[in-house]
Amino acid sequence: MPYSFKTSGWPERLWRTNNRDDIARGNVPGSYPYSTFGEFISDRAVENGIVWETGMPLTLTVPDNIQLTLVSTSTSDTGDIGIRYLDGNLIERTETVTLTGTTPVTTTATDIRAINNAYSKNGPVIGAVSFTNGGVTYAYIPAGDIQFNTSLHRVPAGKRLMITSMYAGSASATADARCVVKLETSFINGDSFADQGYLHPLGAVGLQNGSATFTGFGPFPIPAGEWVGFTFKGSKGLDVTAGLFGYMENA
């Protein structure tokens, strides 16, 4: 018997809101689980940085309909890299690029406006793989790693990200290394600054060689086209991680 989305006596909105298990099972059309993870390792104090891959810039430069150039620091990197990006209309797309070692190779896409994920399809890369345009690094996979870890994502067109839990952590060899991690978005009071890349804090936690997890709230909605992610400030060198869990649904 085929699965039915009709539930006797329950409005569709109430049924969908109360069935996260069914979203996880793939039984709610247009909805699917979503998570982010970012990590940044610094050897010095950072006044303001994004929790994404070490080797990335500290600030966000929004991709504006660009083509990316991929290159490795090792001639041995000849595997496939999967890229999940948003196109010129902010529609989520995927592309696979085959590395050619230290020889640069470009994406087929020429209208990239966000990179939400990039990963090796052939195990850990040998050298560091950079994704650049015009001298700006938009994604980075360190040597020996398998993916671009970033807590900063942009919600695709036609979707809404619903956040249900989040976490942050900081570790340092220095006992008094203090860290503040903030959840930030590109919108405030109904105004969007996604294309400019201006981020506005929603909340923060102070850490000192510790972690914090927040669950059981919301869900908190992030509209289509907006950025959401974590930034940090550290008083000394440290390793900071942050991410969130939730689900996408049709806007």
C-alpha atoms as a PDB file:
ATOM      1  CA  MET A   1       0.000   0.000   0.000  1.00  0.00           C
ATOM      2  CA  PRO A   2       1.559   3.363  -0.967  1.00  0.00           C
ATOM      3  CA  TYR A   3       2.393   5.828   1.792  1.00  0.00           C
ATOM      4  CA  SER A   4      -0.307   8.446   2.264  1.00  0.00           C
ATOM      5  CA  PHE A   5       0.310  11.987   3.511  1.00  0.00           C
ATOM      6  CA  LYS A   6      -3.336  12.403   4.517  1.00  0.00           C
ATOM      7  CA  THR A   7      -4.078  12.124   8.213  1.00  0.00           C
ATOM      8  CA  SER A   8      -7.646  11.970   9.376  1.00  0.00           C
ATOM      9  CA  GLY A   9      -8.776  15.119  11.158  1.00  0.00           C
ATOM     10  CA  TRP A  10      -5.341  16.815  11.162  1.00  0.00           C
ATOM     11  CA  PRO A  11      -4.663  19.993   9.202  1.00  0.00           C
ATOM     12  CA  GLU A  12      -1.651  19.571   6.909  1.00  0.00           C
ATOM     13  CA  ARG A  13       0.265  22.371   8.639  1.00  0.00           C
ATOM     14  CA  LEU A  14      -0.126  20.817  12.076  1.00  0.00           C
ATOM     15  CA  TRP A  15       0.705  17.348  10.759  1.00  0.00           C
ATOM     16  CA  ARG A  16       3.899  18.513   9.055  1.00  0.00           C
ATOM     17  CA  THR A  17       5.035  20.583  12.033  1.00  0.00           C
ATOM     18  CA  ASN A  18       4.698  17.653  14.409  1.00  0.00           C
ATOM     19  CA  ASN A  19       6.339  14.971  12.299  1.00  0.00           C
ATOM     20  CA  ARG A  20      10.085  15.600  12.246  1.00  0.00           C
ATOM     21  CA  ASP A  21      10.580  11.840  12.248  1.00  0.00           C
ATOM     22  CA  ASP A  22       8.768  11.669   8.926  1.00  0.00           C
ATOM     23  CA  ILE A  23      10.959  14.459   7.556  1.00  0.00           C
ATOM     24  CA  ALA A  24      13.992  12.370   8.529  1.00  0.00           C
ATOM     25  CA  ARG A  25      12.467   9.353   6.778  1.00  0.00           C
ATOM     26  CA  GLY A  26      11.883  11.351   3.595  1.00  0.00           C
ATOM     27  CA  ASN A  27       8.118  11.163   3.887  1.00  0.00           C
ATOM     28  CA  VAL A  28       7.406  14.914   3.748  1.00  0.00           C
ATOM     29  CA  PRO A  29       7.627  16.315   0.199  1.00  0.00           C
ATOM     30  CA  GLY A  30      10.171  19.104  -0.163  1.00  0.00           C
ATOM     31  CA  SER A  31      11.620  18.603   3.326  1.00  0.00           C
ATOM     32  CA  TYR A  32      14.884  16.941   4.346  1.00  0.00           C
ATOM     33  CA  PRO A  33      17.294  16.978   7.312  1.00  0.00           C
ATOM     34  CA  TYR A  34      20.032  19.616   7.173  1.00  0.00           C
ATOM     35  CA  SER A  35      23.186  20.186   9.186  1.00  0.00           C
ATOM     36  CA  THR A  36      26.326  22.307   9.077  1.00  0.00           C
ATOM     37  CA  PHE A  37      29.794  21.943  10.574  1.00  0.00           C
ATOM     38  CA  GLY A  38      32.664  24.387  10.640  1.00  0.00           C
ATOM     39  CA  GLU A  39      36.122  24.402  12.195  1.00  0.00           C
ATOM     40  CA  PHE A  40      38.818  27.053  12.292  1.00  0.00           C
ATOM     41  CA  ILE A  41      42.242  26.585  13.860  1.00  0.00           C
ATOM     42  CA  SER A  42      44.120  29.782  14.671  1.00  0.00           C
ATOM     43  CA  ASP A  43      47.652  30.200  15.985  1.00  0.00           C
ATOM     44  CA  ARG A  44      46.993  33.748  17.205  1.00  0.00           C
ATOM     45  CA  ALA A  45      44.263  35.997  18.562  1.00  0.00           C
ATOM     46  CA  VAL A  46      41.384  36.688  16.168  1.00  0.00           C
ATOM     47  CA  GLU A  47      39.151  39.725  16.594  1.00  0.00           C
ATOM     48  CA  ASN A  48      36.426  38.500  14.252  1.00  0.00           C
ATOM     49  CA  GLY A  49      36.401  35.399  12.060  1.00  0.00           C
ATOM     50  CA  ILE A  50      34.027  32.910  10.448  1.00  0.00           C
ATOM     51  CA  VAL A  51      33.882  29.359  11.725  1.00  0.00           C
ATOM     52  CA  TRP A  52      34.880  27.650   8.499  1.00  0.00           C
ATOM     53  CA  GLU A  53      37.873  25.856   7.086  1.00  0.00           C
ATOM     54  CA  THR A  54      41.352  26.868   8.229  1.00  0.00           C
ATOM     55  CA  GLY A  55      42.979  28.510   5.221  1.00  0.00           C
ATOM     56  CA  MET A  56      39.896  30.555   4.396  1.00  0.00           C
ATOM     57  CA  PRO A  57      39.694  34.361   4.771  1.00  0.00           C
ATOM     58  CA  LEU A  58      38.389  35.670   8.082  1.00  0.00           C
ATOM     59  CA  THR A  59      35.591  37.608   6.365  1.00  0.00           C
ATOM     60  CA  LEU A  60      32.854  36.768   3.854  1.00  0.00           C
ATOM     61  CA  THR A  61      33.112  37.807   0.218  1.00  0.00           C
ATOM     62  CA  VAL A  62      29.804  36.943  -1.452  1.00  0.00           C
ATOM     63  CA  PRO A  63      30.279  35.105  -4.785  1.00  0.00           C
ATOM     64  CA  ASP A  64      28.619  37.153  -7.543  1.00  0.00           C
ATOM     65  CA  ASN A  65      27.900  34.837 -10.504  1.00  0.00           C
ATOM     66  CA  ILE A  66      31.444  33.512 -10.642  1.00  0.00           C
ATOM     67  CA  GLN A  67      33.354  30.585 -12.101  1.00  0.00           C
ATOM     68  CA  LEU A  68      35.726  28.808  -9.735  1.00  0.00           C
ATOM     69  CA  THR A  69      39.262  27.616 -10.363  1.00  0.00           C
ATOM     70  CA  LEU A  70      40.315  24.480  -8.467  1.00  0.00           C
ATOM     71  CA  VAL A  71      43.958  23.568  -7.939  1.00  0.00           C
ATOM     72  CA  SER A  72      45.902  21.348  -5.543  1.00  0.00           C
ATOM     73  CA  THR A  73      49.353  21.758  -4.061  1.00  0.00           C
ATOM     74  CA  SER A  74      50.061  18.112  -4.985  1.00  0.00           C
ATOM     75  CA  THR A  75      50.473  16.572  -8.431  1.00  0.00           C
ATOM     76  CA  SER A  76      48.952  13.382  -6.986  1.00  0.00           C
ATOM     77  CA  ASP A  77      45.479  14.899  -6.637  1.00  0.00           C
ATOM     78  CA  THR A  78      43.602  13.694  -9.723  1.00  0.00           C
ATOM     79  CA  GLY A  79      40.324  12.637  -8.106  1.00  0.00           C
ATOM     80  CA  ASP A  80      36.791  14.038  -8.282  1.00  0.00           C
ATOM     81  CA  ILE A  81      35.512  16.909  -6.163  1.00  0.00           C
ATOM     82  CA  GLY A  82      31.763  17.277  -5.598  1.00  0.00           C
ATOM     83  CA  ILE A  83      30.470  20.826  -5.209  1.00  0.00           C
ATOM     84  CA  ARG A  84      27.036  21.822  -3.873  1.00  0.00           C
ATOM     85  CA  TYR A  85      26.397  25.433  -4.822  1.00  0.00           C
ATOM     86  CA  LEU A  86      23.677  27.998  -5.483  1.00  0.00           C
ATOM     87  CA  ASP A  87      23.383  29.303  -9.054  1.00  0.00           C
ATOM     88  CA  GLY A  88      22.517  32.770 -10.355  1.00  0.00           C
ATOM     89  CA  ASN A  89      18.895  32.283  -9.249  1.00  0.00           C
ATOM     90  CA  LEU A  90      19.991  30.808  -5.898  1.00  0.00           C
ATOM     91  CA  ILE A  91      18.756  27.373  -6.972  1.00  0.00           C
ATOM     92  CA  GLU A  92      20.792  24.553  -5.459  1.00  0.00           C
ATOM     93  CA  ARG A  93      22.948  22.716  -8.006  1.00  0.00           C
ATOM     94  CA  THR A  94      25.718  20.133  -7.916  1.00  0.00           C
ATOM     95  CA  GLU A  95      28.776  19.686 -10.079  1.00  0.00           C
ATOM     96  CA  THR A  96      31.706  17.262 -10.126  1.00  0.00           C
ATOM     97  CA  VAL A  97      35.141  18.590 -11.061  1.00  0.00           C
ATOM     98  CA  THR A  98      38.103  16.307 -11.760  1.00  0.00           C
ATOM     99  CA  LEU A  99      41.342  17.655 -10.318  1.00  0.00           C
ATOM    100  CA  THR A 100      44.456  17.798 -12.469  1.00  0.00           C
ATOM    101  CA  GLY A 101      47.029  18.104  -9.699  1.00  0.00           C
ATOM    102  CA  THR A 102      48.858  21.427  -9.650  1.00  0.00           C
ATOM    103  CA  THR A 103      47.313  22.414 -12.979  1.00  0.00           C
ATOM    104  CA  PRO A 104      44.247  24.638 -12.435  1.00  0.00           C
ATOM    105  CA  VAL A 105      40.842  23.440 -13.657  1.00  0.00           C
ATOM    106  CA  THR A 106      37.618  25.468 -13.759  1.00  0.00           C
ATOM    107  CA  THR A 107      34.018  24.663 -12.957  1.00  0.00           C
ATOM    108  CA  THR A 108      31.487  24.357 -15.746  1.00  0.00           C
ATOM    109  CA  ALA A 109      29.210  26.667 -13.752  1.00  0.00           C
ATOM    110  CA  THR A 110      29.838  30.363 -14.315  1.00  0.00           C
ATOM    111  CA  ASP A 111      27.031  31.725 -12.099  1.00  0.00           C
ATOM    112  CA  ILE A 112      27.993  30.550  -8.591  1.00  0.00           C
ATOM    113  CA  ARG A 113      26.571  32.665  -5.770  1.00  0.00           C
ATOM    114  CA  ALA A 114      27.275  30.416  -2.775  1.00  0.00           C
ATOM    115  CA  ILE A 115      29.204  27.250  -1.956  1.00  0.00           C
ATOM    116  CA  ASN A 116      27.458  25.234   0.735  1.00  0.00           C
ATOM    117  CA  ASN A 117      29.651  22.156   0.483  1.00  0.00           C
ATOM    118  CA  ALA A 118      32.591  20.662  -1.383  1.00  0.00           C
ATOM    119  CA  TYR A 119      34.088  17.228  -0.830  1.00  0.00           C
ATOM    120  CA  SER A 120      36.442  14.651  -2.290  1.00  0.00           C
ATOM    121  CA  LYS A 121      34.806  11.612  -3.856  1.00  0.00           C
ATOM    122  CA  ASN A 122      38.037   9.603  -3.679  1.00  0.00           C
ATOM    123  CA  GLY A 123      39.054   9.839  -0.049  1.00  0.00           C
ATOM    124  CA  PRO A 124      41.296  12.435   1.601  1.00  0.00           C
ATOM    125  CA  VAL A 125      43.104  14.797  -0.747  1.00  0.00           C
ATOM    126  CA  ILE A 126      46.906  14.638  -0.851  1.00  0.00           C
ATOM    127  CA  GLY A 127      47.595  18.360  -1.111  1.00  0.00           C
ATOM    128  CA  ALA A 128      45.559  21.399  -0.133  1.00  0.00           C
ATOM    129  CA  VAL A 129      42.806  22.147  -2.668  1.00  0.00           C
ATOM    130  CA  SER A 130      41.703  25.755  -3.140  1.00  0.00           C
ATOM    131  CA  PHE A 131      38.629  27.122  -4.928  1.00  0.00           C
ATOM    132  CA  THR A 132      39.338  30.667  -6.098  1.00  0.00           C
ATOM    133  CA  ASN A 133      38.231  33.495  -8.337  1.00  0.00           C
ATOM    134  CA  GLY A 134      39.931  36.853  -8.765  1.00  0.00           C
ATOM    135  CA  GLY A 135      42.383  36.148  -5.967  1.00  0.00           C
ATOM    136  CA  VAL A 136      39.648  35.364  -3.412  1.00  0.00           C
ATOM    137  CA  THR A 137      39.381  31.897  -1.846  1.00  0.00           C
ATOM    138  CA  TYR A 138      35.753  30.762  -1.667  1.00  0.00           C
ATOM    139  CA  ALA A 139      36.343  27.183  -0.465  1.00  0.00           C
ATOM    140  CA  TYR A 140      39.315  25.189   0.757  1.00  0.00           C
ATOM    141  CA  ILE A 141      40.065  21.550   1.559  1.00  0.00           C
ATOM    142  CA  PRO A 142      43.245  21.132   3.652  1.00  0.00           C
ATOM    143  CA  ALA A 143      45.790  18.456   2.813  1.00  0.00           C
ATOM    144  CA  GLY A 144      44.753  15.100   4.247  1.00  0.00           C
ATOM    145  CA  ASP A 145      41.142  16.191   4.703  1.00  0.00           C
ATOM    146  CA  ILE A 146      38.067  15.088   2.782  1.00  0.00           C
ATOM    147  CA  GLN A 147      35.753  18.116   2.647  1.00  0.00           C
ATOM    148  CA  PHE A 148      35.302  21.863   2.977  1.00  0.00           C
ATOM    149  CA  ASN A 149      34.032  22.350   6.524  1.00  0.00           C
ATOM    150  CA  THR A 150      31.931  25.497   6.861  1.00  0.00           C
ATOM    151  CA  SER A 151      29.287  26.587   9.331  1.00  0.00           C
ATOM    152  CA  LEU A 152      28.239  29.414   6.969  1.00  0.00           C
ATOM    153  CA  HIS A 153      25.557  28.372   4.473  1.00  0.00           C
ATOM    154  CA  ARG A 154      23.092  30.167   2.203  1.00  0.00           C
ATOM    155  CA  VAL A 155      19.493  28.942   2.039  1.00  0.00           C
ATOM    156  CA  PRO A 156      18.435  27.940  -1.510  1.00  0.00           C
ATOM    157  CA  ALA A 157      15.616  29.670  -3.379  1.00  0.00           C
ATOM    158  CA  GLY A 158      12.186  28.265  -2.603  1.00  0.00           C
ATOM    159  CA  LYS A 159      13.355  26.808   0.711  1.00  0.00           C
ATOM    160  CA  ARG A 160      13.269  27.676   4.395  1.00  0.00           C
ATOM    161  CA  LEU A 161      15.851  26.369   6.863  1.00  0.00           C
ATOM    162  CA  MET A 162      14.360  25.422  10.228  1.00  0.00           C
ATOM    163  CA  ILE A 163      16.987  25.271  12.991  1.00  0.00           C
ATOM    164  CA  THR A 164      16.285  22.904  15.877  1.00  0.00           C
ATOM    165  CA  SER A 165      19.651  22.662  17.657  1.00  0.00           C
ATOM    166  CA  MET A 166      23.168  24.086  17.577  1.00  0.00           C
ATOM    167  CA  TYR A 167      26.537  23.677  19.231  1.00  0.00           C
ATOM    168  CA  ALA A 168      29.912  25.401  19.640  1.00  0.00           C
ATOM    169  CA  GLY A 169      33.231  24.451  21.186  1.00  0.00           C
ATOM    170  CA  SER A 170      36.692  25.860  21.756  1.00  0.00           C
ATOM    171  CA  ALA A 171      39.950  24.122  22.689  1.00  0.00           C
ATOM    172  CA  SER A 172      43.397  25.544  23.283  1.00  0.00           C
ATOM    173  CA  ALA A 173      46.716  24.533  24.795  1.00  0.00           C
ATOM    174  CA  THR A 174      46.568  27.838  26.678  1.00  0.00           C
ATOM    175  CA  ALA A 175      44.290  27.615  29.700  1.00  0.00           C
ATOM    176  CA  ASP A 176      43.154  31.245  29.607  1.00  0.00           C
ATOM    177  CA  ALA A 177      42.271  31.306  25.879  1.00  0.00           C
ATOM    178  CA  ARG A 178      38.829  32.881  25.782  1.00  0.00           C
ATOM    179  CA  CYS A 179      36.429  32.519  22.856  1.00  0.00           C
ATOM    180  CA  VAL A 180      33.055  34.022  21.969  1.00  0.00           C
ATOM    181  CA  VAL A 181      31.028  32.227  19.297  1.00  0.00           C
ATOM    182  CA  LYS A 182      28.054  34.024  17.708  1.00  0.00           C
ATOM    183  CA  LEU A 183      25.182  32.757  15.551  1.00  0.00           C
ATOM    184  CA  GLU A 184      24.730  35.291  12.748  1.00  0.00           C
ATOM    185  CA  THR A 185      22.399  35.810   9.795  1.00  0.00           C
ATOM    186  CA  SER A 186      22.275  38.197   6.840  1.00  0.00           C
ATOM    187  CA  PHE A 187      18.862  39.629   7.697  1.00  0.00           C
ATOM    188  CA  ILE A 188      17.482  41.831  10.434  1.00  0.00           C
ATOM    189  CA  ASN A 189      14.103  43.515  11.025  1.00  0.00           C
ATOM    190  CA  GLY A 190      12.841  42.398   7.616  1.00  0.00           C
ATOM    191  CA  ASP A 191      15.852  43.777   5.735  1.00  0.00           C
ATOM    192  CA  SER A 192      18.202  41.467   3.822  1.00  0.00           C
ATOM    193  CA  PHE A 193      21.928  42.046   3.416  1.00  0.00           C
ATOM    194  CA  ALA A 194      22.726  38.674   1.855  1.00  0.00           C
ATOM    195  CA  ASP A 195      24.238  40.074  -1.330  1.00  0.00           C
ATOM    196  CA  GLN A 196      26.416  42.497   0.608  1.00  0.00           C
ATOM    197  CA  GLY A 197      27.529  39.800   3.037  1.00  0.00           C
ATOM    198  CA  TYR A 198      26.689  41.805   6.169  1.00  0.00           C
ATOM    199  CA  LEU A 199      26.075  39.495   9.113  1.00  0.00           C
ATOM    200  CA  HIS A 200      23.969  40.304  12.178  1.00  0.00           C
ATOM    201  CA  PRO A 201      24.296  38.412  15.493  1.00  0.00           C
ATOM    202  CA  LEU A 202      21.324  36.578  16.957  1.00  0.00           C
ATOM    203  CA  GLY A 203      23.014  35.177  20.039  1.00  0.00           C
ATOM    204  CA  ALA A 204      26.386  34.223  21.489  1.00  0.00           C
ATOM    205  CA  VAL A 205      28.131  31.986  23.990  1.00  0.00           C
ATOM    206  CA  GLY A 206      31.418  32.525  25.839  1.00  0.00           C
ATOM    207  CA  LEU A 207      33.791  29.552  26.017  1.00  0.00           C
ATOM    208  CA  GLN A 208      37.117  28.738  27.653  1.00  0.00           C
ATOM    209  CA  ASN A 209      38.285  25.263  26.714  1.00  0.00           C
ATOM    210  CA  GLY A 210      34.694  24.056  26.684  1.00  0.00           C
ATOM    211  CA  SER A 211      31.571  23.556  24.626  1.00  0.00           C
ATOM    212  CA  ALA A 212      27.893  24.411  24.642  1.00  0.00           C
ATOM    213  CA  THR A 213      24.905  22.705  23.044  1.00  0.00           C
ATOM    214  CA  PHE A 214      21.404  24.110  22.620  1.00  0.00           C
ATOM    215  CA  THR A 215      18.545  21.753  21.773  1.00  0.00           C
ATOM    216  CA  GLY A 216      14.775  21.554  21.986  1.00  0.00           C
ATOM    217  CA  PHE A 217      13.999  25.076  20.799  1.00  0.00           C
ATOM    218  CA  GLY A 218      12.191  26.491  17.782  1.00  0.00           C
ATOM    219  CA  PRO A 219      12.317  25.560  15.092  1.00  0.00           C
ATOM    220  CA  PHE A 220      13.912  28.908  14.194  1.00  0.00           C
ATOM    221  CA  PRO A 221      13.342  29.852  10.518  1.00  0.00           C
ATOM    222  CA  ILE A 222      15.963  31.200   8.081  1.00  0.00           C
ATOM    223  CA  PRO A 223      14.365  32.488   4.844  1.00  0.00           C
ATOM    224  CA  ALA A 224      15.406  31.633   1.294  1.00  0.00           C
ATOM    225  CA  GLY A 225      18.470  33.465   0.022  1.00  0.00           C
ATOM    226  CA  GLU A 226      19.850  34.332   3.461  1.00  0.00           C
ATOM    227  CA  TRP A 227      23.187  33.376   4.996  1.00  0.00           C
ATOM    228  CA  VAL A 228      23.361  31.734   8.412  1.00  0.00           C
ATOM    229  CA  GLY A 229      26.433  30.595  10.282  1.00  0.00           C
ATOM    230  CA  PHE A 230      28.798  31.134  13.177  1.00  0.00           C
ATOM    231  CA  THR A 231      31.536  33.672  13.798  1.00  0.00           C
ATOM    232  CA  PHE A 232      34.066  33.797  16.614  1.00  0.00           C
ATOM    233  CA  LYS A 233      36.461  35.988  18.551  1.00  0.00           C
ATOM    234  CA  GLY A 234      39.450  34.408  20.288  1.00  0.00           C
ATOM    235  CA  SER A 235      41.938  35.950  22.697  1.00  0.00           C
ATOM    236  CA  LYS A 236      44.739  33.527  21.742  1.00  0.00           C
ATOM    237  CA  GLY A 237      45.426  30.626  19.408  1.00  0.00           C
ATOM    238  CA  LEU A 238      42.626  28.053  19.531  1.00  0.00           C
ATOM    239  CA  ASP A 239      40.569  25.436  17.678  1.00  0.00           C
ATOM    240  CA  VAL A 240      36.926  26.506  17.410  1.00  0.00           C
ATOM    241  CA  THR A 241      34.044  24.427  16.038  1.00  0.00           C
ATOM    242  CA  ALA A 242      30.358  25.194  15.547  1.00  0.00           C
ATOM    243  CA  GLY A 243      27.350  23.957  13.630  1.00  0.00           C
ATOM    244  CA  LEU A 244      23.637  23.417  13.620  1.00  0.00           C
ATOM    245  CA  PHE A 245      20.974  20.803  12.952  1.00  0.00           C
ATOM    246  CA  GLY A 246      17.507  21.203  11.530  1.00  0.00           C
ATOM    247  CA  TYR A 247      15.665  20.669   8.270  1.00  0.00           C
ATOM    248  CA  MET A 248      14.799  22.326   4.986  1.00  0.00           C
ATOM    249  CA  GLU A 249      11.222  22.760   3.903  1.00  0.00           C
ATOM    250  CA  ASN A 250       9.445  24.415   0.984  1.00  0.00           C
ATOM    251  CA  ALA A 251       9.003  28.135   1.551  1.00  0.00           C
END
